Amino acid sequence: MNNYRFMGKCFVAFALFTLHFSLFTSRATAQNVVDEVVWVVGDEAILRSDVEVTRIQAAMEGQHWKGNPDCVIPEQLAVQKLFLHQAAIDSIDKDVTEAEISSQIEARIEYMIEQIGSREKLEEYRKQSITQIRQSMHDDLRDQLLIQKMKQKLVEDIVVTPAEVRRYFKDMPQDSIPFVPTEVEVQIITQTPKISIKEINRVKDELREYTDRINRGETSFQTLARLYSEDPGSRRQGGEMDYVGRTILDPAFAAVAFNLTDPKKISKIVESEFGFHIIQLIDKRGDKIKVRHILRKPVVSDSAVNKSIVFLDSIADNIREGVRPKFLEGRYTGNFNFEDAATIVSDDKDTRNNKGLMANRSERGQTSRFRLQDLPPEIAKAVDTLQVGQISRAFQMINDQGKTVCLVAKLKSRTEGHKATITEDFQVMKEMVQQKRQEQKLHDWVVNKIKNTYVRIGDAYRDCEFEYEGWAK
């Protein structure tokens, strides 16, 4: 949600946008100019309206410009054009899938709905249907992803050595040394509440009904997927997924999908870690497959959740008291502790074999340390007030697969915020040096790209102080 933190302000800001844009249009009309090309980069034009809209969006997000916005904004838009142009040359667009775009769109829409209260209120406020809102977001989000991936490609070969890190910080002033925020290590024990056979059968009956309606010719697979699928990444495309290899998919899903041969046939019902699916083949290309699917998720009952909560609280109490739970008597003779409970009791495959210890995985690698804001919100809230070694009461959350899970958490360690040191925080310092190197490479790339790209800027911008040299030719 960090990427969408501005959404909380967006609804008041949309009114501001409408007001500002109407005023801008009125001024332009009064001057008998509907719009105006202010910059040209390659074969792409930047309009005055583009600059005005960006200015207003920045105000919506509380963004402040370093320098004159009339100069900074068109330059920023021009730089984006350069990255998009290079992304097209390098065929980066193949790396940005519709499923990826849709996933981000759905995340933003869900957050907007959460902020305003309901889908109906959002549609009323925007004066657009949800479908229209999705469509209006699509191209901007696609461009953002293209630019992000293009930048990643340009800096992917930058490697920082330990000697370089030490040299960089040797003469750094004390007030420039980065502050490392508080970090924690967390262990968890999870239990997934059992779903009743009745609820599973209800979901399966729905999927069978969808299959029957498609086979009778009453409707299409795509229509039912848009209406009923609970996969936000593919729902907008009528359940369609991009070409993927077997290893990318859930094993059970892949086993059925890769055995499909007739695009007119609907698969049997498949259970994956995400829920239950029916699948339809679209195409096979080498070792990759393109399918569409409908996902339905059984609903966990309150009684099942409460049962898991009670069970986990009893396990936590046993650990606090040093008592073996009754169901382990005769089967386990050691001193019962959190680590043993995580190994024996927990059903979380990612932490069970690591004694419950959570792993923080990112592009930078893997560590057991988390900043509180990087933990799932429910876990962060549970451990924030714990002392090291304490165990929380049981609570519930929705996991990455969209399933309800119950868990208890233990605060294994806490490192309070502090000025970075080369011995304790080498990784932090390395990332800082690497970021500086990446920023410099991107800056140099832009400057070089400007030299080799046709650029024309309006006379009003020729006296601007730009971040990148070479715009005025």
Protein backbone atom coordinates (compact mmCIF):
# COMPACT_ATOMS: atom_id res chain seq x y z
CA MET A 1 0.00 0.00 0.00
CA ASN A 2 2.95 2.34 0.20
CA ASN A 3 2.65 3.00 -3.53
CA TYR A 4 -0.95 4.11 -3.06
CA ARG A 5 -0.67 6.26 0.07
CA PHE A 6 -1.82 9.30 -1.87
CA MET A 7 -5.21 7.65 -2.47
CA GLY A 8 -6.50 8.75 0.91
CA LYS A 9 -6.48 12.35 -0.35
CA CYS A 10 -7.61 11.69 -3.88
CA PHE A 11 -11.33 12.16 -3.49
CA VAL A 12 -11.14 15.76 -2.28
CA ALA A 13 -8.41 16.29 -4.82
CA PHE A 14 -10.55 15.11 -7.73
CA ALA A 15 -12.83 18.04 -7.04
CA LEU A 16 -9.76 20.28 -7.02
CA PHE A 17 -8.69 18.74 -10.33
CA THR A 18 -12.07 19.41 -11.91
CA LEU A 19 -12.01 23.03 -10.73
CA HIS A 20 -8.45 23.68 -11.88
CA PHE A 21 -8.96 21.99 -15.22
CA SER A 22 -12.12 23.95 -15.92
CA LEU A 23 -10.29 27.18 -15.06
CA PHE A 24 -7.43 26.19 -17.35
CA THR A 25 -9.86 25.42 -20.19
CA SER A 26 -11.62 28.74 -19.63
CA ARG A 27 -8.33 30.63 -19.84
CA ALA A 28 -7.35 28.79 -22.99
CA THR A 29 -10.74 29.44 -24.58
CA ALA A 30 -10.52 33.10 -23.68
CA GLN A 31 -7.21 33.24 -25.51
CA ASN A 32 -8.66 31.29 -28.47
CA VAL A 33 -6.14 28.50 -27.80
CA VAL A 34 -7.56 25.09 -26.86
CA ASP A 35 -4.12 23.60 -26.19
CA GLU A 36 -0.49 24.11 -27.15
CA VAL A 37 2.56 21.96 -27.85
CA VAL A 38 5.26 23.15 -25.45
CA TRP A 39 7.95 20.48 -25.98
CA VAL A 40 8.69 17.85 -28.60
CA VAL A 41 10.86 14.83 -27.72
CA GLY A 42 11.59 12.56 -30.67
CA ASP A 43 8.18 12.18 -32.28
CA GLU A 44 6.29 12.71 -29.03
CA ALA A 45 4.62 16.02 -28.16
CA ILE A 46 4.13 17.40 -24.65
CA LEU A 47 1.05 19.61 -24.38
CA ARG A 48 0.43 22.47 -22.03
CA SER A 49 -2.56 20.50 -20.73
CA ASP A 50 -0.18 17.61 -19.86
CA VAL A 51 1.84 20.03 -17.73
CA GLU A 52 -1.29 21.41 -16.02
CA VAL A 53 -2.69 17.95 -15.25
CA THR A 54 0.67 16.81 -13.81
CA ARG A 55 0.84 19.93 -11.66
CA ILE A 56 -2.63 19.27 -10.24
CA GLN A 57 -1.95 15.57 -9.66
CA ALA A 58 1.20 16.53 -7.76
CA ALA A 59 -0.86 18.89 -5.60
CA MET A 60 -3.26 16.01 -4.95
CA GLU A 61 -0.39 13.88 -3.70
CA GLY A 62 1.16 16.65 -1.60
CA GLN A 63 4.27 16.70 -3.82
CA HIS A 64 6.58 19.71 -3.75
CA TRP A 65 8.83 20.63 -6.62
CA LYS A 66 12.51 21.42 -6.30
CA GLY A 67 12.64 24.54 -8.41
CA ASN A 68 10.16 26.26 -10.68
CA PRO A 69 7.27 23.86 -11.46
CA ASP A 70 6.86 25.49 -14.89
CA CYS A 71 10.36 24.20 -15.70
CA VAL A 72 10.54 21.02 -13.63
CA ILE A 73 7.25 19.46 -14.80
CA PRO A 74 7.82 19.55 -18.58
CA GLU A 75 11.38 18.30 -18.06
CA GLN A 76 10.06 15.41 -15.98
CA LEU A 77 7.54 14.54 -18.70
CA ALA A 78 10.27 14.75 -21.33
CA VAL A 79 12.51 12.36 -19.37
CA GLN A 80 9.61 9.90 -19.15
CA LYS A 81 9.28 10.09 -22.94
CA LEU A 82 12.97 9.19 -23.28
CA PHE A 83 12.61 6.08 -21.11
CA LEU A 84 9.43 5.02 -22.92
CA HIS A 85 11.13 5.48 -26.29
CA GLN A 86 14.05 3.30 -25.20
CA ALA A 87 11.65 0.72 -23.73
CA ALA A 88 10.02 0.42 -27.17
CA ILE A 89 13.43 0.00 -28.86
CA ASP A 90 14.46 -2.70 -26.34
CA SER A 91 11.04 -4.40 -26.51
CA ILE A 92 10.56 -3.98 -22.77
CA ASP A 93 6.82 -3.86 -23.45
CA LYS A 94 6.95 -7.66 -23.73
CA ASP A 95 7.93 -7.78 -20.06
CA VAL A 96 4.83 -5.85 -18.96
CA THR A 97 1.82 -8.15 -19.08
CA GLU A 98 -1.84 -7.27 -19.03
CA ALA A 99 -2.16 -9.41 -15.92
CA GLU A 100 0.48 -7.29 -14.17
CA ILE A 101 -1.23 -4.05 -15.19
CA SER A 102 -4.63 -5.36 -14.15
CA SER A 103 -3.32 -6.49 -10.79
CA GLN A 104 -2.09 -2.99 -10.00
CA ILE A 105 -5.30 -1.41 -11.28
CA GLU A 106 -7.40 -3.69 -9.09
CA ALA A 107 -5.25 -2.95 -6.05
CA ARG A 108 -5.74 0.79 -6.55
CA ILE A 109 -9.47 0.47 -7.17
CA GLU A 110 -9.92 -1.71 -4.09
CA TYR A 111 -8.07 0.87 -2.01
CA MET A 112 -10.20 3.68 -3.44
CA ILE A 113 -13.36 1.73 -2.64
CA GLU A 114 -12.08 1.15 0.90
CA GLN A 115 -11.49 4.88 1.32
CA ILE A 116 -14.81 6.10 -0.08
CA GLY A 117 -17.00 3.31 1.32
CA SER A 118 -18.44 1.35 -1.62
CA ARG A 119 -18.23 0.72 -5.36
CA GLU A 120 -21.43 2.67 -5.86
CA LYS A 121 -20.07 5.74 -4.07
CA LEU A 122 -16.85 5.59 -6.08
CA GLU A 123 -18.78 5.40 -9.35
CA GLU A 124 -21.03 8.25 -8.28
CA TYR A 125 -18.07 10.42 -7.29
CA ARG A 126 -16.06 9.73 -10.43
CA LYS A 127 -19.18 9.78 -12.64
CA GLN A 128 -17.75 6.66 -14.26
CA SER A 129 -18.47 2.95 -14.02
CA ILE A 130 -15.81 0.70 -12.46
CA THR A 131 -15.04 -0.54 -15.97
CA GLN A 132 -14.48 3.02 -17.18
CA ILE A 133 -12.26 3.79 -14.18
CA ARG A 134 -10.15 0.72 -14.98
CA GLN A 135 -9.83 1.82 -18.60
CA SER A 136 -8.83 5.36 -17.61
CA MET A 137 -6.01 4.01 -15.41
CA HIS A 138 -4.68 1.47 -17.87
CA ASP A 139 -2.31 3.44 -20.10
CA ASP A 140 -0.74 5.51 -17.31
CA LEU A 141 -0.04 2.42 -15.23
CA ARG A 142 1.38 0.60 -18.23
CA ASP A 143 3.76 3.52 -18.88
CA GLN A 144 4.81 3.58 -15.21
CA LEU A 145 5.66 -0.14 -15.33
CA LEU A 146 7.56 0.27 -18.61
CA ILE A 147 9.64 3.12 -17.20
CA GLN A 148 10.35 1.17 -14.02
CA LYS A 149 11.49 -1.92 -15.94
CA MET A 150 13.57 0.18 -18.34
CA LYS A 151 15.41 1.80 -15.44
CA GLN A 152 15.99 -1.59 -13.84
CA LYS A 153 17.52 -2.89 -17.06
CA LEU A 154 19.85 0.10 -17.35
CA VAL A 155 21.29 -0.38 -13.85
CA GLU A 156 21.16 -4.17 -13.55
CA ASP A 157 24.91 -4.58 -14.13
CA ILE A 158 26.01 -2.21 -11.33
CA VAL A 159 27.95 -4.09 -8.64
CA VAL A 160 29.31 -2.46 -5.49
CA THR A 161 32.33 -4.02 -3.74
CA PRO A 162 32.95 -3.96 0.03
CA ALA A 163 36.11 -1.88 -0.54
CA GLU A 164 34.06 0.71 -2.42
CA VAL A 165 31.54 0.90 0.43
CA ARG A 166 34.28 1.44 3.01
CA ARG A 167 35.94 4.15 0.90
CA TYR A 168 32.63 5.94 0.38
CA PHE A 169 31.87 6.19 4.10
CA LYS A 170 35.39 6.78 5.35
CA ASP A 171 35.25 10.53 4.88
CA MET A 172 31.49 11.00 5.10
CA PRO A 173 30.41 13.75 7.55
CA GLN A 174 28.67 12.46 10.65
CA ASP A 175 25.42 14.23 9.84
CA SER A 176 25.27 12.51 6.43
CA ILE A 177 25.45 8.95 7.77
CA PRO A 178 22.04 7.29 7.21
CA PHE A 179 19.67 6.53 10.07
CA VAL A 180 18.62 2.88 10.25
CA PRO A 181 15.00 2.58 11.41
CA THR A 182 13.90 0.11 14.08
CA GLU A 183 13.99 -3.46 12.78
CA VAL A 184 12.47 -6.63 14.20
CA GLU A 185 12.70 -10.39 13.74
CA VAL A 186 9.39 -12.21 14.04
CA GLN A 187 8.41 -15.86 14.41
CA ILE A 188 4.90 -17.08 13.70
CA ILE A 189 2.74 -20.16 14.15
CA THR A 190 -0.21 -20.35 11.77
CA GLN A 191 -3.35 -22.38 11.40
CA THR A 192 -5.64 -22.21 8.39
CA PRO A 193 -9.26 -22.57 9.54
CA LYS A 194 -10.93 -25.61 8.05
CA ILE A 195 -13.58 -24.96 5.43
CA SER A 196 -16.73 -27.04 5.71
CA ILE A 197 -17.56 -29.69 3.10
CA LYS A 198 -20.86 -27.89 2.56
CA GLU A 199 -19.07 -24.66 1.61
CA ILE A 200 -16.65 -26.48 -0.70
CA ASN A 201 -19.56 -28.22 -2.43
CA ARG A 202 -21.32 -24.87 -2.84
CA VAL A 203 -18.31 -23.45 -4.69
CA LYS A 204 -17.93 -26.58 -6.82
CA ASP A 205 -21.63 -26.50 -7.73
CA GLU A 206 -21.21 -22.89 -8.88
CA LEU A 207 -18.28 -23.86 -11.11
CA ARG A 208 -20.22 -26.83 -12.51
CA GLU A 209 -23.11 -24.49 -13.29
CA TYR A 210 -20.71 -22.12 -15.13
CA THR A 211 -19.41 -25.05 -17.19
CA ASP A 212 -22.94 -26.19 -18.06
CA ARG A 213 -24.00 -22.67 -19.12
CA ILE A 214 -20.94 -22.34 -21.38
CA ASN A 215 -21.45 -25.80 -22.92
CA ARG A 216 -25.13 -25.01 -23.59
CA GLY A 217 -24.10 -21.85 -25.41
CA GLU A 218 -25.98 -19.57 -23.01
CA THR A 219 -22.94 -17.41 -22.33
CA SER A 220 -19.18 -17.29 -22.81
CA PHE A 221 -16.34 -18.21 -20.48
CA GLN A 222 -15.06 -14.63 -20.68
CA THR A 223 -18.38 -13.14 -19.55
CA LEU A 224 -18.65 -15.42 -16.53
CA ALA A 225 -15.02 -14.73 -15.61
CA ARG A 226 -15.62 -10.96 -15.65
CA LEU A 227 -18.73 -11.39 -13.52
CA TYR A 228 -17.66 -14.02 -11.00
CA SER A 229 -13.91 -14.76 -11.00
CA GLU A 230 -12.11 -13.81 -7.80
CA ASP A 231 -8.71 -13.43 -9.47
CA PRO A 232 -8.21 -9.64 -9.77
CA GLY A 233 -5.23 -10.10 -12.06
CA SER A 234 -7.18 -11.78 -14.88
CA ARG A 235 -10.83 -10.91 -14.25
CA ARG A 236 -10.77 -7.76 -16.39
CA GLN A 237 -9.48 -9.80 -19.36
CA GLY A 238 -12.27 -12.33 -19.05
CA GLY A 239 -10.07 -14.68 -17.04
CA GLU A 240 -7.28 -14.59 -19.63
CA MET A 241 -3.69 -15.08 -18.47
CA ASP A 242 -0.59 -14.31 -20.52
CA TYR A 243 1.74 -17.05 -21.80
CA VAL A 244 3.40 -18.70 -18.80
CA GLY A 245 5.67 -21.64 -18.14
CA ARG A 246 4.74 -24.56 -15.93
CA THR A 247 6.99 -23.49 -13.04
CA ILE A 248 5.21 -20.14 -12.68
CA LEU A 249 1.85 -21.77 -11.96
CA ASP A 250 0.49 -23.58 -8.93
CA PRO A 251 1.47 -27.26 -9.47
CA ALA A 252 -2.11 -28.57 -9.36
CA PHE A 253 -3.29 -25.83 -11.74
CA ALA A 254 -0.36 -26.46 -14.11
CA ALA A 255 -0.94 -30.23 -14.16
CA VAL A 256 -4.47 -29.74 -15.52
CA ALA A 257 -3.81 -26.68 -17.71
CA PHE A 258 -0.88 -28.26 -19.60
CA ASN A 259 -2.94 -31.40 -20.31
CA LEU A 260 -5.70 -29.45 -22.06
CA THR A 261 -5.74 -29.95 -25.84
CA ASP A 262 -9.14 -28.70 -27.05
CA PRO A 263 -9.92 -24.96 -26.70
CA LYS A 264 -13.64 -25.79 -26.81
CA LYS A 265 -13.44 -27.95 -23.71
CA ILE A 266 -13.64 -26.76 -20.10
CA SER A 267 -11.38 -28.47 -17.58
CA LYS A 268 -12.52 -30.38 -14.56
CA ILE A 269 -12.57 -28.42 -11.29
CA VAL A 270 -9.04 -27.82 -10.00
CA GLU A 271 -8.10 -27.04 -6.40
CA SER A 272 -5.02 -24.85 -5.93
CA GLU A 273 -3.61 -22.94 -2.98
CA PHE A 274 -5.75 -19.99 -4.11
CA GLY A 275 -9.12 -21.79 -4.30
CA PHE A 276 -11.05 -23.71 -6.97
CA HIS A 277 -10.81 -23.13 -10.72
CA ILE A 278 -12.16 -24.13 -14.08
CA ILE A 279 -9.74 -23.60 -16.99
CA GLN A 280 -10.05 -23.15 -20.75
CA LEU A 281 -7.16 -23.51 -23.18
CA ILE A 282 -6.43 -20.60 -25.53
CA ASP A 283 -3.07 -21.52 -27.08
CA LYS A 284 0.17 -23.42 -26.57
CA ARG A 285 3.52 -22.02 -27.69
CA GLY A 286 6.58 -24.16 -27.04
CA ASP A 287 6.88 -24.77 -23.32
CA LYS A 288 4.39 -22.00 -22.50
CA ILE A 289 0.64 -22.00 -22.33
CA LYS A 290 -2.09 -19.38 -22.54
CA VAL A 291 -5.34 -20.09 -20.72
CA ARG A 292 -8.29 -18.36 -19.15
CA HIS A 293 -9.74 -19.40 -15.82
CA ILE A 294 -12.43 -18.65 -13.26
CA LEU A 295 -11.38 -18.68 -9.60
CA ARG A 296 -13.83 -19.09 -6.75
CA LYS A 297 -12.81 -19.04 -3.09
CA PRO A 298 -14.76 -20.86 -0.36
CA VAL A 299 -15.75 -18.64 2.54
CA VAL A 300 -14.38 -19.51 5.96
CA SER A 301 -17.05 -19.59 8.68
CA ASP A 302 -16.75 -17.54 11.88
CA SER A 303 -16.94 -20.71 13.93
CA ALA A 304 -13.95 -22.20 12.08
CA VAL A 305 -11.95 -19.01 12.66
CA ASN A 306 -12.84 -18.98 16.35
CA LYS A 307 -11.83 -22.63 16.69
CA SER A 308 -8.38 -21.88 15.23
CA ILE A 309 -8.02 -18.80 17.45
CA VAL A 310 -8.81 -20.85 20.58
CA PHE A 311 -6.39 -23.58 19.53
CA LEU A 312 -3.52 -21.16 18.91
CA ASP A 313 -4.15 -19.30 22.16
CA SER A 314 -3.97 -22.61 24.01
CA ILE A 315 -0.64 -23.42 22.30
CA ALA A 316 0.72 -19.97 23.23
CA ASP A 317 -0.41 -20.48 26.85
CA ASN A 318 1.32 -23.88 26.94
CA ILE A 319 4.56 -22.29 25.71
CA ARG A 320 4.37 -19.48 28.29
CA GLU A 321 3.79 -22.01 31.06
CA GLY A 322 6.34 -24.56 29.75
CA VAL A 323 3.66 -27.23 29.50
CA ARG A 324 3.32 -29.76 26.68
CA PRO A 325 -0.11 -29.63 25.03
CA LYS A 326 -2.26 -32.67 25.71
CA PHE A 327 -2.33 -33.81 22.09
CA LEU A 328 1.48 -34.19 22.19
CA GLU A 329 1.64 -36.23 25.38
CA GLY A 330 3.32 -39.55 24.70
CA ARG A 331 4.62 -38.27 21.30
CA TYR A 332 6.87 -35.41 22.35
CA THR A 333 9.13 -35.47 25.40
CA GLY A 334 11.30 -32.33 25.06
CA ASN A 335 10.84 -28.92 26.62
CA PHE A 336 8.01 -27.39 24.61
CA ASN A 337 8.88 -23.96 23.16
CA PHE A 338 7.82 -21.67 20.33
CA GLU A 339 10.36 -23.07 17.87
CA ASP A 340 9.14 -26.65 18.44
CA ALA A 341 5.51 -25.56 18.17
CA ALA A 342 6.19 -23.81 14.86
CA THR A 343 7.80 -26.97 13.49
CA ILE A 344 5.10 -29.34 14.78
CA VAL A 345 1.91 -27.28 14.69
CA SER A 346 2.25 -24.52 12.08
CA ASP A 347 0.89 -25.09 8.59
CA ASP A 348 2.80 -22.19 7.01
CA LYS A 349 5.20 -23.86 4.57
CA ASP A 350 7.44 -20.79 4.31
CA THR A 351 8.28 -20.62 8.03
CA ARG A 352 7.59 -24.07 9.44
CA ASN A 353 11.00 -25.48 8.53
CA ASN A 354 12.73 -22.37 9.85
CA LYS A 355 11.30 -22.63 13.38
CA GLY A 356 8.66 -20.04 12.54
CA LEU A 357 11.10 -17.29 11.56
CA MET A 358 9.75 -14.99 8.86
CA ALA A 359 11.94 -14.11 5.85
CA ASN A 360 11.98 -10.66 4.28
CA ARG A 361 12.53 -11.27 0.55
CA SER A 362 13.14 -8.48 -1.91
CA GLU A 363 15.16 -7.65 -5.01
CA ARG A 364 18.06 -6.92 -2.66
CA GLY A 365 18.06 -10.46 -1.30
CA GLN A 366 16.74 -12.15 1.82
CA THR A 367 17.00 -11.28 5.50
CA SER A 368 15.11 -12.07 8.69
CA ARG A 369 14.90 -8.37 9.64
CA PHE A 370 11.83 -6.26 8.93
CA ARG A 371 10.94 -2.66 9.41
CA LEU A 372 7.48 -2.61 10.98
CA GLN A 373 5.99 -0.99 7.89
CA ASP A 374 7.31 -3.88 5.76
CA LEU A 375 5.43 -6.52 7.76
CA PRO A 376 1.80 -7.39 7.05
CA PRO A 377 -0.19 -4.77 9.02
CA GLU A 378 -1.81 -7.33 11.32
CA ILE A 379 1.54 -8.84 12.31
CA ALA A 380 3.14 -5.40 12.75
CA LYS A 381 0.32 -4.38 15.09
CA ALA A 382 0.61 -7.62 17.07
CA VAL A 383 4.37 -7.35 17.73
CA ASP A 384 4.71 -3.56 18.05
CA THR A 385 3.98 -3.54 21.78
CA LEU A 386 5.65 -6.86 22.65
CA GLN A 387 8.90 -7.18 24.55
CA VAL A 388 11.57 -9.42 23.02
CA GLY A 389 10.62 -13.04 23.70
CA GLN A 390 6.92 -12.32 24.29
CA ILE A 391 4.14 -14.03 22.34
CA SER A 392 1.01 -12.28 21.07
CA ARG A 393 -2.58 -13.37 21.46
CA ALA A 394 -3.99 -15.18 18.42
CA PHE A 395 -5.37 -13.06 15.58
CA GLN A 396 -6.49 -13.49 11.98
CA MET A 397 -5.39 -12.01 8.64
CA ILE A 398 -5.63 -12.55 4.89
CA ASN A 399 -2.45 -14.07 3.44
CA ASP A 400 -0.82 -13.54 0.03
CA GLN A 401 -3.07 -16.19 -1.51
CA GLY A 402 -6.17 -14.36 -0.32
CA LYS A 403 -6.96 -16.97 2.33
CA THR A 404 -7.96 -16.38 5.94
CA VAL A 405 -5.31 -17.63 8.35
CA CYS A 406 -4.99 -17.42 12.12
CA LEU A 407 -1.67 -17.00 13.88
CA VAL A 408 0.31 -16.09 16.96
CA ALA A 409 3.54 -14.11 16.69
CA LYS A 410 6.66 -13.94 18.81
CA LEU A 411 9.04 -10.98 18.84
CA LYS A 412 12.42 -12.69 18.44
CA SER A 413 14.54 -9.53 18.39
CA ARG A 414 14.29 -5.76 18.10
CA THR A 415 17.08 -3.44 16.96
CA GLU A 416 16.23 0.15 17.80
CA GLY A 417 16.76 2.88 15.25
CA HIS A 418 20.33 4.18 15.11
CA LYS A 419 23.00 5.78 12.97
CA ALA A 420 24.43 3.19 10.60
CA THR A 421 27.82 1.66 11.35
CA ILE A 422 30.04 -0.18 8.89
CA THR A 423 30.20 -3.27 11.12
CA GLU A 424 26.50 -3.66 12.00
CA ASP A 425 24.81 -2.11 8.97
CA PHE A 426 27.03 -2.93 6.03
CA GLN A 427 24.06 -3.93 3.87
CA VAL A 428 22.35 -0.58 4.49
CA MET A 429 25.50 1.27 3.53
CA LYS A 430 26.03 -0.91 0.48
CA GLU A 431 22.50 -0.20 -0.72
CA MET A 432 23.10 3.53 -0.25
CA VAL A 433 26.28 3.45 -2.35
CA GLN A 434 24.57 1.28 -4.95
CA GLN A 435 21.64 3.67 -5.14
CA LYS A 436 24.03 6.60 -5.68
CA ARG A 437 25.77 4.68 -8.46
CA GLN A 438 22.44 3.82 -10.07
CA GLU A 439 21.19 7.41 -9.88
CA GLN A 440 24.40 8.65 -11.50
CA LYS A 441 24.18 6.09 -14.29
CA LEU A 442 20.55 7.00 -15.02
CA HIS A 443 21.46 10.70 -14.99
CA ASP A 444 24.32 10.13 -17.43
CA TRP A 445 22.09 7.98 -19.62
CA VAL A 446 19.47 10.74 -19.85
CA VAL A 447 22.08 13.36 -20.74
CA ASN A 448 23.49 11.12 -23.48
CA LYS A 449 20.01 10.27 -24.74
CA ILE A 450 19.16 13.97 -25.04
CA LYS A 451 22.23 14.48 -27.25
CA ASN A 452 21.00 11.82 -29.66
CA THR A 453 17.29 12.66 -29.67
CA TYR A 454 15.44 15.37 -31.55
CA VAL A 455 14.23 17.88 -28.94
CA ARG A 456 12.39 21.15 -29.43
CA ILE A 457 11.31 23.26 -26.48
CA GLY A 458 9.18 26.36 -26.43
CA ASP A 459 10.87 29.77 -26.15
CA ALA A 460 9.30 30.28 -22.71
CA TYR A 461 11.44 27.41 -21.34
CA ARG A 462 14.85 28.35 -22.72
CA ASP A 463 15.87 30.30 -19.61
CA CYS A 464 14.91 27.47 -17.22
CA GLU A 465 17.43 25.83 -14.91
CA PHE A 466 17.11 22.16 -15.79
CA GLU A 467 18.39 19.09 -13.95
CA TYR A 468 19.73 17.67 -17.22
CA GLU A 469 21.83 19.66 -19.66
CA GLY A 470 21.30 19.72 -23.40
CA TRP A 471 17.57 20.38 -23.81
CA ALA A 472 18.03 23.74 -25.51
CA LYS A 473 19.76 23.09 -28.82
